Amino acid sequence: MPNFDEWFKRATGNDPFPYQRRFAEEGEIPNLVDVPTRLGAEDDAKS
């Protein structure tokens, strides 16, 4: 089984940002993600 970084890269074509990795490792998905433009929020929604 791939680690999160490998899985994320295959799923989105991008390397995850540190906050995306933290979300994956914490196991609890927040109700709101307030992320500035161009920092991967759309990739969070696609994953």
PDB file of N, CA and C in Angstrom:
ATOM      1  N   MET A   1       0.853  -1.182   0.000  1.00  0.00           N
ATOM      2  CA  MET A   1       0.000   0.000   0.000  1.00  0.00           C
ATOM      3  C   MET A   1       0.896   1.242   0.000  1.00  0.00           C
ATOM      4  N   PRO A   2       0.587   2.229  -0.874  1.00  0.00           N
ATOM      5  CA  PRO A   2       1.421   3.433  -0.927  1.00  0.00           C
ATOM      6  C   PRO A   2       1.213   4.315   0.302  1.00  0.00           C
ATOM      7  N   ASN A   3       2.243   5.097   0.624  1.00  0.00           N
ATOM      8  CA  ASN A   3       2.063   6.054   1.710  1.00  0.00           C
ATOM      9  C   ASN A   3       1.211   7.222   1.192  1.00  0.00           C
ATOM     10  N   PHE A   4       0.841   8.120   2.071  1.00  0.00           N
ATOM     11  CA  PHE A   4      -0.059   9.206   1.675  1.00  0.00           C
ATOM     12  C   PHE A   4       0.519  10.053   0.553  1.00  0.00           C
ATOM     13  N   ASP A   5       1.797  10.405   0.633  1.00  0.00           N
ATOM     14  CA  ASP A   5       2.397  11.247  -0.403  1.00  0.00           C
ATOM     15  C   ASP A   5       2.299  10.594  -1.776  1.00  0.00           C
ATOM     16  N   GLU A   6       2.586   9.295  -1.861  1.00  0.00           N
ATOM     17  CA  GLU A   6       2.498   8.587  -3.141  1.00  0.00           C
ATOM     18  C   GLU A   6       1.059   8.538  -3.636  1.00  0.00           C
ATOM     19  N   TRP A   7       0.140   8.212  -2.736  1.00  0.00           N
ATOM     20  CA  TRP A   7      -1.274   8.145  -3.107  1.00  0.00           C
ATOM     21  C   TRP A   7      -1.773   9.499  -3.601  1.00  0.00           C
ATOM     22  N   PHE A   8      -1.446  10.561  -2.864  1.00  0.00           N
ATOM     23  CA  PHE A   8      -1.904  11.901  -3.219  1.00  0.00           C
ATOM     24  C   PHE A   8      -1.369  12.312  -4.592  1.00  0.00           C
ATOM     25  N   LYS A   9      -0.094  12.026  -4.846  1.00  0.00           N
ATOM     26  CA  LYS A   9       0.525  12.369  -6.134  1.00  0.00           C
ATOM     27  C   LYS A   9      -0.177  11.633  -7.270  1.00  0.00           C
ATOM     28  N   ARG A  10      -0.500  10.362  -7.072  1.00  0.00           N
ATOM     29  CA  ARG A  10      -1.220   9.608  -8.113  1.00  0.00           C
ATOM     30  C   ARG A  10      -2.630  10.148  -8.307  1.00  0.00           C
ATOM     31  N   ALA A  11      -3.297  10.512  -7.225  1.00  0.00           N
ATOM     32  CA  ALA A  11      -4.685  10.969  -7.300  1.00  0.00           C
ATOM     33  C   ALA A  11      -4.820  12.366  -7.897  1.00  0.00           C
ATOM     34  N   THR A  12      -3.846  13.252  -7.627  1.00  0.00           N
ATOM     35  CA  THR A  12      -3.994  14.651  -8.034  1.00  0.00           C
ATOM     36  C   THR A  12      -2.948  15.124  -9.027  1.00  0.00           C
ATOM     37  N   GLY A  13      -1.836  14.401  -9.142  1.00  0.00           N
ATOM     38  CA  GLY A  13      -0.739  14.849  -9.988  1.00  0.00           C
ATOM     39  C   GLY A  13       0.171  15.847  -9.289  1.00  0.00           C
ATOM     40  N   ASN A  14      -0.094  16.107  -8.026  1.00  0.00           N
ATOM     41  CA  ASN A  14       0.683  17.082  -7.248  1.00  0.00           C
ATOM     42  C   ASN A  14       1.192  16.458  -5.965  1.00  0.00           C
ATOM     43  N   ASP A  15       2.302  16.978  -5.464  1.00  0.00           N
ATOM     44  CA  ASP A  15       2.757  16.592  -4.130  1.00  0.00           C
ATOM     45  C   ASP A  15       1.877  17.292  -3.100  1.00  0.00           C
ATOM     46  N   PRO A  16       1.588  16.644  -1.972  1.00  0.00           N
ATOM     47  CA  PRO A  16       0.753  17.289  -0.964  1.00  0.00           C
ATOM     48  C   PRO A  16       1.497  18.408  -0.239  1.00  0.00           C
ATOM     49  N   PHE A  17       0.742  19.410   0.162  1.00  0.00           N
ATOM     50  CA  PHE A  17       1.278  20.448   1.043  1.00  0.00           C
ATOM     51  C   PHE A  17       1.311  19.882   2.459  1.00  0.00           C
ATOM     52  N   PRO A  18       2.130  20.447   3.335  1.00  0.00           N
ATOM     53  CA  PRO A  18       2.209  19.923   4.704  1.00  0.00           C
ATOM     54  C   PRO A  18       0.851  19.858   5.412  1.00  0.00           C
ATOM     55  N   TYR A  19      -0.015  20.852   5.205  1.00  0.00           N
ATOM     56  CA  TYR A  19      -1.313  20.813   5.899  1.00  0.00           C
ATOM     57  C   TYR A  19      -2.160  19.652   5.381  1.00  0.00           C
ATOM     58  N   GLN A  20      -2.023  19.289   4.106  1.00  0.00           N
ATOM     59  CA  GLN A  20      -2.779  18.162   3.564  1.00  0.00           C
ATOM     60  C   GLN A  20      -2.299  16.852   4.193  1.00  0.00           C
ATOM     61  N   ARG A  21      -1.007  16.733   4.385  1.00  0.00           N
ATOM     62  CA  ARG A  21      -0.448  15.554   5.035  1.00  0.00           C
ATOM     63  C   ARG A  21      -0.943  15.460   6.479  1.00  0.00           C
ATOM     64  N   ARG A  22      -0.985  16.606   7.178  1.00  0.00           N
ATOM     65  CA  ARG A  22      -1.478  16.601   8.569  1.00  0.00           C
ATOM     66  C   ARG A  22      -2.928  16.141   8.630  1.00  0.00           C
ATOM     67  N   PHE A  23      -3.766  16.616   7.699  1.00  0.00           N
ATOM     68  CA  PHE A  23      -5.164  16.167   7.674  1.00  0.00           C
ATOM     69  C   PHE A  23      -5.241  14.656   7.519  1.00  0.00           C
ATOM     70  N   ALA A  24      -4.429  14.124   6.633  1.00  0.00           N
ATOM     71  CA  ALA A  24      -4.450  12.681   6.380  1.00  0.00           C
ATOM     72  C   ALA A  24      -3.995  11.902   7.604  1.00  0.00           C
ATOM     73  N   GLU A  25      -3.014  12.407   8.305  1.00  0.00           N
ATOM     74  CA  GLU A  25      -2.464  11.699   9.459  1.00  0.00           C
ATOM     75  C   GLU A  25      -3.331  11.814  10.700  1.00  0.00           C
ATOM     76  N   GLU A  26      -4.084  12.899  10.829  1.00  0.00           N
ATOM     77  CA  GLU A  26      -4.909  13.101  12.023  1.00  0.00           C
ATOM     78  C   GLU A  26      -6.135  12.209  12.032  1.00  0.00           C
ATOM     79  N   GLY A  27      -6.633  11.843  10.852  1.00  0.00           N
ATOM     80  CA  GLY A  27      -7.766  10.940  10.780  1.00  0.00           C
ATOM     81  C   GLY A  27      -9.123  11.590  10.944  1.00  0.00           C
ATOM     82  N   GLU A  28      -9.186  12.839  11.364  1.00  0.00           N
ATOM     83  CA  GLU A  28     -10.460  13.539  11.494  1.00  0.00           C
ATOM     84  C   GLU A  28     -10.513  14.642  10.448  1.00  0.00           C
ATOM     85  N   ILE A  29     -11.566  14.642   9.641  1.00  0.00           N
ATOM     86  CA  ILE A  29     -11.701  15.627   8.574  1.00  0.00           C
ATOM     87  C   ILE A  29     -12.412  16.863   9.127  1.00  0.00           C
ATOM     88  N   PRO A  30     -11.811  18.047   8.982  1.00  0.00           N
ATOM     89  CA  PRO A  30     -12.450  19.266   9.488  1.00  0.00           C
ATOM     90  C   PRO A  30     -13.667  19.637   8.636  1.00  0.00           C
ATOM     91  N   ASN A  31     -14.605  20.352   9.247  1.00  0.00           N
ATOM     92  CA  ASN A  31     -15.789  20.818   8.525  1.00  0.00           C
ATOM     93  C   ASN A  31     -15.465  21.944   7.557  1.00  0.00           C
ATOM     94  N   LEU A  32     -14.430  22.712   7.858  1.00  0.00           N
ATOM     95  CA  LEU A  32     -14.056  23.859   7.023  1.00  0.00           C
ATOM     96  C   LEU A  32     -12.541  23.892   6.870  1.00  0.00           C
ATOM     97  N   VAL A  33     -12.106  24.111   5.638  1.00  0.00           N
ATOM     98  CA  VAL A  33     -10.686  24.283   5.368  1.00  0.00           C
ATOM     99  C   VAL A  33     -10.520  25.669   4.764  1.00  0.00           C
ATOM    100  N   ASP A  34      -9.896  26.559   5.495  1.00  0.00           N
ATOM    101  CA  ASP A  34      -9.685  27.938   5.035  1.00  0.00           C
ATOM    102  C   ASP A  34      -8.254  28.050   4.531  1.00  0.00           C
ATOM    103  N   VAL A  35      -8.094  27.956   3.210  1.00  0.00           N
ATOM    104  CA  VAL A  35      -6.776  27.923   2.591  1.00  0.00           C
ATOM    105  C   VAL A  35      -6.706  29.001   1.517  1.00  0.00           C
ATOM    106  N   PRO A  36      -5.637  29.807   1.503  1.00  0.00           N
ATOM    107  CA  PRO A  36      -5.494  30.811   0.456  1.00  0.00           C
ATOM    108  C   PRO A  36      -5.448  30.175  -0.933  1.00  0.00           C
ATOM    109  N   THR A  37      -5.799  30.950  -1.933  1.00  0.00           N
ATOM    110  CA  THR A  37      -5.792  30.508  -3.322  1.00  0.00           C
ATOM    111  C   THR A  37      -4.422  29.958  -3.706  1.00  0.00           C
ATOM    112  N   ARG A  38      -4.442  28.876  -4.495  1.00  0.00           N
ATOM    113  CA  ARG A  38      -3.240  28.238  -5.057  1.00  0.00           C
ATOM    114  C   ARG A  38      -2.452  27.429  -4.032  1.00  0.00           C
ATOM    115  N   LEU A  39      -3.085  27.064  -2.915  1.00  0.00           N
ATOM    116  CA  LEU A  39      -2.375  26.231  -1.932  1.00  0.00           C
ATOM    117  C   LEU A  39      -2.990  24.849  -1.772  1.00  0.00           C
ATOM    118  N   GLY A  40      -3.760  24.404  -2.754  1.00  0.00           N
ATOM    119  CA  GLY A  40      -4.183  23.010  -2.773  1.00  0.00           C
ATOM    120  C   GLY A  40      -5.538  22.681  -2.192  1.00  0.00           C
ATOM    121  N   ALA A  41      -6.376  23.647  -1.892  1.00  0.00           N
ATOM    122  CA  ALA A  41      -7.685  23.328  -1.317  1.00  0.00           C
ATOM    123  C   ALA A  41      -8.532  22.503  -2.289  1.00  0.00           C
ATOM    124  N   GLU A  42      -8.425  22.797  -3.567  1.00  0.00           N
ATOM    125  CA  GLU A  42      -9.192  22.020  -4.539  1.00  0.00           C
ATOM    126  C   GLU A  42      -8.743  20.566  -4.552  1.00  0.00           C
ATOM    127  N   ASP A  43      -7.453  20.320  -4.386  1.00  0.00           N
ATOM    128  CA  ASP A  43      -6.969  18.947  -4.309  1.00  0.00           C
ATOM    129  C   ASP A  43      -7.509  18.241  -3.075  1.00  0.00           C
ATOM    130  N   ASP A  44      -7.722  18.986  -1.983  1.00  0.00           N
ATOM    131  CA  ASP A  44      -8.332  18.379  -0.800  1.00  0.00           C
ATOM    132  C   ASP A  44      -9.733  17.900  -1.121  1.00  0.00           C
ATOM    133  N   ALA A  45     -10.467  18.692  -1.865  1.00  0.00           N
ATOM    134  CA  ALA A  45     -11.840  18.341  -2.187  1.00  0.00           C
ATOM    135  C   ALA A  45     -11.894  17.145  -3.131  1.00  0.00           C
ATOM    136  N   LYS A  46     -10.916  17.010  -4.004  1.00  0.00           N
ATOM    137  CA  LYS A  46     -10.907  15.908  -4.959  1.00  0.00           C
ATOM    138  C   LYS A  46     -10.477  14.608  -4.324  1.00  0.00           C
ATOM    139  N   SER A  47      -9.695  14.667  -3.268  1.00  0.00           N
ATOM    140  CA  SER A  47      -9.117  13.445  -2.700  1.00  0.00           C
ATOM    141  C   SER A  47     -10.135  12.626  -1.965  1.00  0.00           C
TER     142      SER A  47
END
